[in-house]
C-alpha atoms as a PDB file:
ATOM      1  CA  GLU A   1       4.123 -25.459 -42.799  1.00  0.00           C
ATOM      2  CA  ILE A   2       1.938 -24.122 -39.977  1.00  0.00           C
ATOM      3  CA  THR A   3       4.542 -25.056 -37.384  1.00  0.00           C
ATOM      4  CA  ALA A   4       7.248 -23.425 -39.488  1.00  0.00           C
ATOM      5  CA  GLN A   5       5.351 -20.113 -39.535  1.00  0.00           C
ATOM      6  CA  GLN A   6       4.876 -20.252 -35.771  1.00  0.00           C
ATOM      7  CA  VAL A   7       8.574 -20.911 -35.197  1.00  0.00           C
ATOM      8  CA  ILE A   8       9.580 -18.138 -37.629  1.00  0.00           C
ATOM      9  CA  ALA A   9       7.490 -15.623 -35.667  1.00  0.00           C
ATOM     10  CA  GLU A  10       8.819 -16.766 -32.276  1.00  0.00           C
ATOM     11  CA  ARG A  11      12.450 -16.765 -33.426  1.00  0.00           C
ATOM     12  CA  ALA A  12      12.133 -13.347 -35.080  1.00  0.00           C
ATOM     13  CA  MET A  13      10.910 -11.886 -31.799  1.00  0.00           C
ATOM     14  CA  ASN A  14      13.698 -13.516 -29.793  1.00  0.00           C
ATOM     15  CA  ARG A  15      16.373 -12.513 -32.318  1.00  0.00           C
ATOM     16  CA  HIS A  16      15.170  -8.897 -32.388  1.00  0.00           C
ATOM     17  CA  LEU A  17      15.348  -8.794 -28.574  1.00  0.00           C
ATOM     18  CA  GLN A  18      18.786 -10.474 -28.649  1.00  0.00           C
ATOM     19  CA  GLY A  19      17.467 -13.185 -26.363  1.00  0.00           C
ATOM     20  CA  GLY A  20      19.060 -16.410 -25.302  1.00  0.00           C
ATOM     21  CA  CYS A  21      18.491 -19.315 -22.960  1.00  0.00           C
ATOM     22  CA  GLN A  22      19.329 -17.330 -19.819  1.00  0.00           C
ATOM     23  CA  VAL A  23      17.124 -14.309 -20.577  1.00  0.00           C
ATOM     24  CA  PRO A  24      13.525 -13.980 -19.288  1.00  0.00           C
ATOM     25  CA  ILE A  25      11.875 -13.785 -22.719  1.00  0.00           C
ATOM     26  CA  ALA A  26       8.858 -15.856 -23.683  1.00  0.00           C
ATOM     27  CA  GLY A  27       7.273 -16.127 -27.093  1.00  0.00           C
ATOM     28  CA  TYR A  28       4.403 -18.276 -28.276  1.00  0.00           C
ATOM     29  CA  ALA A  29       2.726 -18.335 -31.669  1.00  0.00           C
ATOM     30  CA  ALA A  30      -0.360 -20.317 -32.674  1.00  0.00           C
ATOM     31  CA  LEU A  31      -2.572 -20.486 -35.733  1.00  0.00           C
ATOM     32  CA  SER A  32      -6.310 -20.118 -35.185  1.00  0.00           C
ATOM     33  CA  GLN A  33      -8.990 -19.541 -37.808  1.00  0.00           C
ATOM     34  CA  GLY A  34      -6.406 -18.620 -40.418  1.00  0.00           C
ATOM     35  CA  GLN A  35      -4.747 -16.001 -38.209  1.00  0.00           C
ATOM     36  CA  LEU A  36      -1.299 -16.263 -36.653  1.00  0.00           C
ATOM     37  CA  HIS A  37      -1.478 -15.115 -33.038  1.00  0.00           C
ATOM     38  CA  ILE A  38       1.800 -14.353 -31.274  1.00  0.00           C
ATOM     39  CA  GLU A  39       2.329 -13.371 -27.671  1.00  0.00           C
ATOM     40  CA  GLY A  40       5.605 -12.152 -26.220  1.00  0.00           C
ATOM     41  CA  ARG A  41       6.706 -11.435 -22.673  1.00  0.00           C
ATOM     42  CA  VAL A  42       9.810  -9.985 -21.060  1.00  0.00           C
ATOM     43  CA  GLY A  43      10.380 -10.067 -17.299  1.00  0.00           C
ATOM     44  CA  SER A  44      12.668  -8.295 -14.892  1.00  0.00           C
ATOM     45  CA  VAL A  45      15.463 -10.003 -12.967  1.00  0.00           C
ATOM     46  CA  ASP A  46      13.462  -9.991  -9.741  1.00  0.00           C
ATOM     47  CA  GLY A  47      10.188 -10.992 -11.396  1.00  0.00           C
ATOM     48  CA  ALA A  48       8.463  -7.799 -10.255  1.00  0.00           C
ATOM     49  CA  THR A  49       7.855  -6.558 -13.808  1.00  0.00           C
ATOM     50  CA  LEU A  50       6.336  -8.496 -16.690  1.00  0.00           C
ATOM     51  CA  LEU A  51       5.761  -6.853 -20.058  1.00  0.00           C
ATOM     52  CA  LYS A  52       3.302  -8.511 -22.438  1.00  0.00           C
ATOM     53  CA  VAL A  53       2.322  -7.851 -26.064  1.00  0.00           C
ATOM     54  CA  GLU A  54      -0.017  -9.776 -28.365  1.00  0.00           C
ATOM     55  CA  LEU A  55      -0.413  -9.432 -32.134  1.00  0.00           C
ATOM     56  CA  LYS A  56      -2.362 -11.155 -34.903  1.00  0.00           C
ATOM     57  CA  GLY A  57      -1.746 -11.359 -38.610  1.00  0.00           C
ATOM     58  CA  THR A  58      -1.542 -13.762 -41.503  1.00  0.00           C
ATOM     59  CA  PRO A  59       0.865 -16.705 -41.441  1.00  0.00           C
ATOM     60  CA  GLU A  60       2.765 -15.054 -44.311  1.00  0.00           C
ATOM     61  CA  GLN A  61       3.557 -12.140 -41.976  1.00  0.00           C
ATOM     62  CA  ALA A  62       5.266 -14.402 -39.403  1.00  0.00           C
ATOM     63  CA  GLU A  63       8.701 -12.739 -39.521  1.00  0.00           C
ATOM     64  CA  GLN A  64       7.222  -9.242 -39.508  1.00  0.00           C
ATOM     65  CA  LEU A  65       4.863 -10.088 -36.629  1.00  0.00           C
ATOM     66  CA  GLY A  66       7.762 -11.355 -34.517  1.00  0.00           C
ATOM     67  CA  GLU A  67       9.853  -8.265 -35.187  1.00  0.00           C
ATOM     68  CA  THR A  68       6.937  -5.888 -34.579  1.00  0.00           C
ATOM     69  CA  LEU A  69       6.092  -7.647 -31.335  1.00  0.00           C
ATOM     70  CA  ALA A  70       9.700  -7.295 -30.174  1.00  0.00           C
ATOM     71  CA  GLN A  71       9.706  -3.612 -31.092  1.00  0.00           C
ATOM     72  CA  LYS A  72       6.521  -3.044 -29.079  1.00  0.00           C
ATOM     73  CA  LEU A  73       8.120  -4.780 -26.084  1.00  0.00           C
ATOM     74  CA  LEU A  74      11.165  -2.532 -26.454  1.00  0.00           C
ATOM     75  CA  GLU A  75       8.888   0.515 -26.548  1.00  0.00           C
ATOM     76  CA  GLN A  76       7.405  -0.640 -23.223  1.00  0.00           C
ATOM     77  CA  GLY A  77      10.869  -0.826 -21.636  1.00  0.00           C
ATOM     78  CA  ALA A  78      12.079  -4.349 -22.405  1.00  0.00           C
ATOM     79  CA  GLY A  79      15.521  -3.022 -23.334  1.00  0.00           C
ATOM     80  CA  ASP A  80      16.120  -1.733 -19.829  1.00  0.00           C
ATOM     81  CA  LEU A  81      14.962  -5.025 -18.306  1.00  0.00           C
ATOM     82  CA  LEU A  82      17.195  -7.058 -20.591  1.00  0.00           C
ATOM     83  CA  LYS A  83      20.314  -4.960 -19.915  1.00  0.00           C
ATOM     84  CA  ALA A  84      20.570  -6.707 -16.538  1.00  0.00           C
ATOM     85  CA  PHE A  85      21.304  -9.967 -18.372  1.00  0.00           C
ATOM     86  CA  HIS A  86      23.872  -8.735 -20.888  1.00  0.00           C
END
């Protein structure tokens, strides 16, 4: 069940960013001391820009954490970076 919550959070972030295999999006979730920690990154085509956001919450919030993390990346400009790949 722990792995499932981690995957739910990672996939929610990727889905919200409309990511795919060819897009420079990274997401990693891990459970530590009862908290689900998720980190997301979005990079530019040339690698010059790397946006990074980290969040923590309960495992039950996995989907919400992934979506919130994606939204925070978009607020930092991830949408503009990702347009180069779509």
